[in-house]
C-alpha atoms as a PDB file:
ATOM      1  CA  MET A   1       0.000   0.000   0.000  1.00  0.00           C
ATOM      2  CA  ILE A   2       2.785   2.468   0.936  1.00  0.00           C
ATOM      3  CA  THR A   3       4.690   1.588  -2.252  1.00  0.00           C
ATOM      4  CA  THR A   4       1.608   2.241  -4.382  1.00  0.00           C
ATOM      5  CA  VAL A   5       1.069   5.646  -2.746  1.00  0.00           C
ATOM      6  CA  ARG A   6       4.755   6.513  -3.241  1.00  0.00           C
ATOM      7  CA  ILE A   7       4.617   5.522  -6.949  1.00  0.00           C
ATOM      8  CA  GLN A   8       1.439   7.579  -7.435  1.00  0.00           C
ATOM      9  CA  ALA A   9       3.061  10.598  -5.749  1.00  0.00           C
ATOM     10  CA  GLN A  10       6.146  10.273  -7.966  1.00  0.00           C
ATOM     11  CA  ALA A  11       3.982  10.026 -11.091  1.00  0.00           C
ATOM     12  CA  GLN A  12       2.008  13.077 -10.012  1.00  0.00           C
ATOM     13  CA  ALA A  13       5.241  15.046  -9.382  1.00  0.00           C
ATOM     14  CA  ARG A  14       6.551  14.094 -12.860  1.00  0.00           C
ATOM     15  CA  ALA A  15       3.261  15.163 -14.449  1.00  0.00           C
ATOM     16  CA  GLN A  16       3.365  18.512 -12.637  1.00  0.00           C
ATOM     17  CA  ALA A  17       6.981  19.055 -13.725  1.00  0.00           C
ATOM     18  CA  ALA A  18       6.051  18.296 -17.346  1.00  0.00           C
ATOM     19  CA  ILE A  19       3.145  20.757 -17.196  1.00  0.00           C
ATOM     20  CA  LEU A  20       5.402  23.445 -15.715  1.00  0.00           C
ATOM     21  CA  ALA A  21       8.031  22.870 -18.429  1.00  0.00           C
ATOM     22  CA  ALA A  22       5.349  23.127 -21.131  1.00  0.00           C
ATOM     23  CA  LEU A  23       4.052  26.394 -19.634  1.00  0.00           C
ATOM     24  CA  ILE A  24       7.568  27.868 -19.508  1.00  0.00           C
ATOM     25  CA  LEU A  25       8.198  26.886 -23.136  1.00  0.00           C
ATOM     26  CA  ALA A  26       4.844  28.327 -24.237  1.00  0.00           C
ATOM     27  CA  SER A  27       5.610  31.552 -22.395  1.00  0.00           C
ATOM     28  CA  SER A  28       9.045  31.813 -24.062  1.00  0.00           C
ATOM     29  CA  VAL A  29       7.569  31.247 -27.519  1.00  0.00           C
ATOM     30  CA  ALA A  30       4.833  33.817 -26.813  1.00  0.00           C
ATOM     31  CA  ARG A  31       7.426  36.406 -25.667  1.00  0.00           C
ATOM     32  CA  ALA A  32       9.445  35.753 -28.846  1.00  0.00           C
ATOM     33  CA  ALA A  33       6.292  36.349 -30.899  1.00  0.00           C
ATOM     34  CA  GLU A  34       5.880  39.680 -29.042  1.00  0.00           C
ATOM     35  CA  GLY A  35       9.385  40.747 -30.103  1.00  0.00           C
ATOM     36  CA  CYS A  36      11.191  39.823 -26.895  1.00  0.00           C
ATOM     37  CA  ALA A  37      14.093  37.474 -26.260  1.00  0.00           C
ATOM     38  CA  ARG A  38      15.934  36.242 -23.201  1.00  0.00           C
ATOM     39  CA  VAL A  39      19.642  37.103 -23.345  1.00  0.00           C
ATOM     40  CA  GLU A  40      22.548  35.702 -21.356  1.00  0.00           C
ATOM     41  CA  VAL A  41      25.881  37.519 -21.486  1.00  0.00           C
ATOM     42  CA  GLN A  42      28.874  35.558 -20.195  1.00  0.00           C
ATOM     43  CA  ASN A  43      32.373  36.689 -19.226  1.00  0.00           C
ATOM     44  CA  VAL A  44      31.342  40.211 -18.189  1.00  0.00           C
ATOM     45  CA  ARG A  45      33.857  42.129 -16.118  1.00  0.00           C
ATOM     46  CA  PRO A  46      31.802  42.509 -12.937  1.00  0.00           C
ATOM     47  CA  GLN A  47      30.800  45.974 -11.776  1.00  0.00           C
ATOM     48  CA  GLN A  48      32.892  47.739 -14.446  1.00  0.00           C
ATOM     49  CA  GLY A  49      31.239  50.245 -16.770  1.00  0.00           C
ATOM     50  CA  PHE A  50      28.256  49.420 -18.958  1.00  0.00           C
ATOM     51  CA  LEU A  51      27.114  46.772 -21.407  1.00  0.00           C
ATOM     52  CA  MET A  52      26.214  48.404 -24.714  1.00  0.00           C
ATOM     53  CA  LEU A  53      23.991  46.179 -26.862  1.00  0.00           C
ATOM     54  CA  ALA A  54      22.630  46.600 -30.390  1.00  0.00           C
ATOM     55  CA  ALA A  55      20.117  44.212 -31.998  1.00  0.00           C
ATOM     56  CA  PHE A  56      19.721  43.937 -35.761  1.00  0.00           C
ATOM     57  CA  ALA A  57      16.772  42.461 -37.673  1.00  0.00           C
ATOM     58  CA  ASP A  58      18.331  41.732 -41.066  1.00  0.00           C
ATOM     59  CA  GLU A  59      21.530  41.662 -43.075  1.00  0.00           C
ATOM     60  CA  ALA A  60      20.856  45.017 -44.749  1.00  0.00           C
ATOM     61  CA  GLY A  61      20.762  46.833 -41.410  1.00  0.00           C
ATOM     62  CA  PHE A  62      23.504  44.833 -39.693  1.00  0.00           C
ATOM     63  CA  GLY A  63      26.127  47.080 -38.133  1.00  0.00           C
ATOM     64  CA  ASN A  64      24.421  50.401 -38.827  1.00  0.00           C
ATOM     65  CA  ARG A  65      20.644  50.255 -38.226  1.00  0.00           C
ATOM     66  CA  PRO A  66      19.764  48.478 -34.970  1.00  0.00           C
ATOM     67  CA  VAL A  67      16.084  47.806 -34.299  1.00  0.00           C
ATOM     68  CA  THR A  68      16.753  48.332 -30.611  1.00  0.00           C
ATOM     69  CA  SER A  69      19.682  49.087 -28.348  1.00  0.00           C
ATOM     70  CA  LEU A  70      20.280  48.861 -24.650  1.00  0.00           C
ATOM     71  CA  ARG A  71      22.715  50.245 -22.066  1.00  0.00           C
ATOM     72  CA  LEU A  72      22.978  48.274 -18.826  1.00  0.00           C
ATOM     73  CA  ALA A  73      25.220  48.800 -15.817  1.00  0.00           C
ATOM     74  CA  SER A  74      27.606  45.858 -15.609  1.00  0.00           C
ATOM     75  CA  GLY A  75      26.663  43.514 -12.814  1.00  0.00           C
ATOM     76  CA  ASP A  76      27.765  39.937 -12.350  1.00  0.00           C
ATOM     77  CA  ALA A  77      30.124  37.927 -14.554  1.00  0.00           C
ATOM     78  CA  THR A  78      27.030  36.352 -16.139  1.00  0.00           C
ATOM     79  CA  MET A  79      24.120  38.685 -16.764  1.00  0.00           C
ATOM     80  CA  ARG A  80      20.617  37.624 -17.794  1.00  0.00           C
ATOM     81  CA  PHE A  81      17.875  39.953 -18.998  1.00  0.00           C
ATOM     82  CA  GLU A  82      14.984  40.259 -21.406  1.00  0.00           C
ATOM     83  CA  LEU A  83      15.394  42.310 -24.570  1.00  0.00           C
ATOM     84  CA  CYS A  84      12.233  43.614 -26.249  1.00  0.00           C
ATOM     85  CA  GLY A  85      11.660  45.757 -29.321  1.00  0.00           C
ATOM     86  CA  LEU A  86      12.819  43.051 -31.727  1.00  0.00           C
ATOM     87  CA  SER A  87      11.051  42.380 -35.011  1.00  0.00           C
ATOM     88  CA  GLY A  88      10.902  39.526 -37.469  1.00  0.00           C
ATOM     89  CA  THR A  89      11.901  35.922 -36.890  1.00  0.00           C
ATOM     90  CA  GLN A  90      15.625  36.400 -36.316  1.00  0.00           C
ATOM     91  CA  THR A  91      18.087  38.796 -34.772  1.00  0.00           C
ATOM     92  CA  ALA A  92      21.815  39.389 -34.412  1.00  0.00           C
ATOM     93  CA  LEU A  93      23.245  40.924 -31.247  1.00  0.00           C
ATOM     94  CA  THR A  94      26.486  42.841 -30.878  1.00  0.00           C
ATOM     95  CA  LEU A  95      27.794  44.025 -27.523  1.00  0.00           C
ATOM     96  CA  TYR A  96      30.752  45.705 -25.965  1.00  0.00           C
ATOM     97  CA  GLN A  97      31.556  46.564 -22.375  1.00  0.00           C
ATOM     98  CA  ASP A  98      32.172  50.279 -22.084  1.00  0.00           C
ATOM     99  CA  LEU A  99      34.697  50.149 -19.258  1.00  0.00           C
ATOM    100  CA  ASP A 100      35.524  53.851 -19.256  1.00  0.00           C
ATOM    101  CA  GLY A 101      31.931  55.066 -19.746  1.00  0.00           C
ATOM    102  CA  ASP A 102      32.677  57.246 -22.786  1.00  0.00           C
ATOM    103  CA  GLY A 103      29.925  55.672 -24.953  1.00  0.00           C
ATOM    104  CA  ARG A 104      32.353  54.343 -27.572  1.00  0.00           C
ATOM    105  CA  MET A 105      34.195  51.078 -28.010  1.00  0.00           C
ATOM    106  CA  GLY A 106      37.850  51.694 -27.208  1.00  0.00           C
ATOM    107  CA  ARG A 107      40.299  50.787 -29.989  1.00  0.00           C
ATOM    108  CA  ASN A 108      44.072  50.773 -30.369  1.00  0.00           C
ATOM    109  CA  LEU A 109      46.037  52.414 -33.201  1.00  0.00           C
ATOM    110  CA  LEU A 110      45.386  49.409 -35.446  1.00  0.00           C
ATOM    111  CA  GLY A 111      41.630  49.604 -34.834  1.00  0.00           C
ATOM    112  CA  MET A 112      41.506  46.503 -32.651  1.00  0.00           C
ATOM    113  CA  PRO A 113      39.088  46.650 -29.688  1.00  0.00           C
ATOM    114  CA  THR A 114      40.627  47.423 -26.310  1.00  0.00           C
ATOM    115  CA  GLU A 115      37.352  46.842 -24.442  1.00  0.00           C
ATOM    116  CA  PRO A 116      35.563  43.486 -24.148  1.00  0.00           C
ATOM    117  CA  TRP A 117      33.127  42.715 -26.959  1.00  0.00           C
ATOM    118  CA  GLY A 118      30.891  39.888 -28.096  1.00  0.00           C
ATOM    119  CA  ALA A 119      28.093  38.861 -30.432  1.00  0.00           C
ATOM    120  CA  SER A 120      25.380  36.251 -30.630  1.00  0.00           C
ATOM    121  CA  GLY A 121      26.368  33.097 -32.456  1.00  0.00           C
ATOM    122  CA  ASP A 122      30.006  32.783 -33.490  1.00  0.00           C
ATOM    123  CA  PRO A 123      31.520  36.180 -34.319  1.00  0.00           C
ATOM    124  CA  GLY A 124      34.807  34.649 -35.518  1.00  0.00           C
ATOM    125  CA  THR A 125      38.241  36.215 -35.345  1.00  0.00           C
ATOM    126  CA  MET A 126      37.541  38.970 -37.875  1.00  0.00           C
ATOM    127  CA  GLY A 127      34.541  40.314 -35.972  1.00  0.00           C
ATOM    128  CA  PRO A 128      30.826  39.769 -36.265  1.00  0.00           C
ATOM    129  CA  SER A 129      28.834  39.568 -39.490  1.00  0.00           C
ATOM    130  CA  TRP A 130      25.167  38.841 -40.100  1.00  0.00           C
ATOM    131  CA  ALA A 131      26.014  35.383 -41.440  1.00  0.00           C
ATOM    132  CA  THR A 132      27.840  34.327 -38.271  1.00  0.00           C
ATOM    133  CA  THR A 133      25.743  36.026 -35.606  1.00  0.00           C
ATOM    134  CA  HIS A 134      22.050  35.920 -36.558  1.00  0.00           C
ATOM    135  CA  ARG A 135      19.850  33.597 -34.523  1.00  0.00           C
ATOM    136  CA  ALA A 136      16.190  32.602 -34.632  1.00  0.00           C
ATOM    137  CA  LEU A 137      13.742  34.279 -32.297  1.00  0.00           C
ATOM    138  CA  ASP A 138      12.235  30.976 -31.206  1.00  0.00           C
ATOM    139  CA  GLY A 139      12.101  31.307 -27.429  1.00  0.00           C
ATOM    140  CA  GLN A 140      15.622  29.979 -26.866  1.00  0.00           C
ATOM    141  CA  VAL A 141      18.066  32.020 -24.792  1.00  0.00           C
ATOM    142  CA  LEU A 142      20.448  34.103 -26.927  1.00  0.00           C
ATOM    143  CA  VAL A 143      23.930  33.574 -25.480  1.00  0.00           C
ATOM    144  CA  VAL A 144      26.786  36.028 -25.933  1.00  0.00           C
ATOM    145  CA  ARG A 145      30.298  35.333 -24.631  1.00  0.00           C
ATOM    146  CA  MET A 146      32.362  38.474 -24.171  1.00  0.00           C
ATOM    147  CA  SER A 147      36.017  38.564 -25.183  1.00  0.00           C
ATOM    148  CA  GLN A 148      38.719  38.873 -22.543  1.00  0.00           C
END
């Protein structure tokens, strides 16, 4: 009798967990349809300057016409937030950490970044492009790993 009750309780807990997971997924898909995405930025220099983010909707606007942008005070080494104002079915994110607060990405004499930067997807060694950074707005978390 006790074993039967325990098995029923375990089955009920699994069913509740499955329902919760389905609700979370449905909510994420709904938020994506509303033009919002969950973003996770890794390798942030904690408590130093600001994260400067630009989101692009298509290849034609990549690099010069963001659909939305955001400035966030740098917090923890991994930051998570929701980004809204997106349009379409895909986006590409570019970020840099403005350590000195001047509103521009610092560069050396050769034009190489001196402040941490990153992009969604795989920006490669030559910097981000639409082809390497665009991702679907499908409810999945958009992950960006900042450079050292």
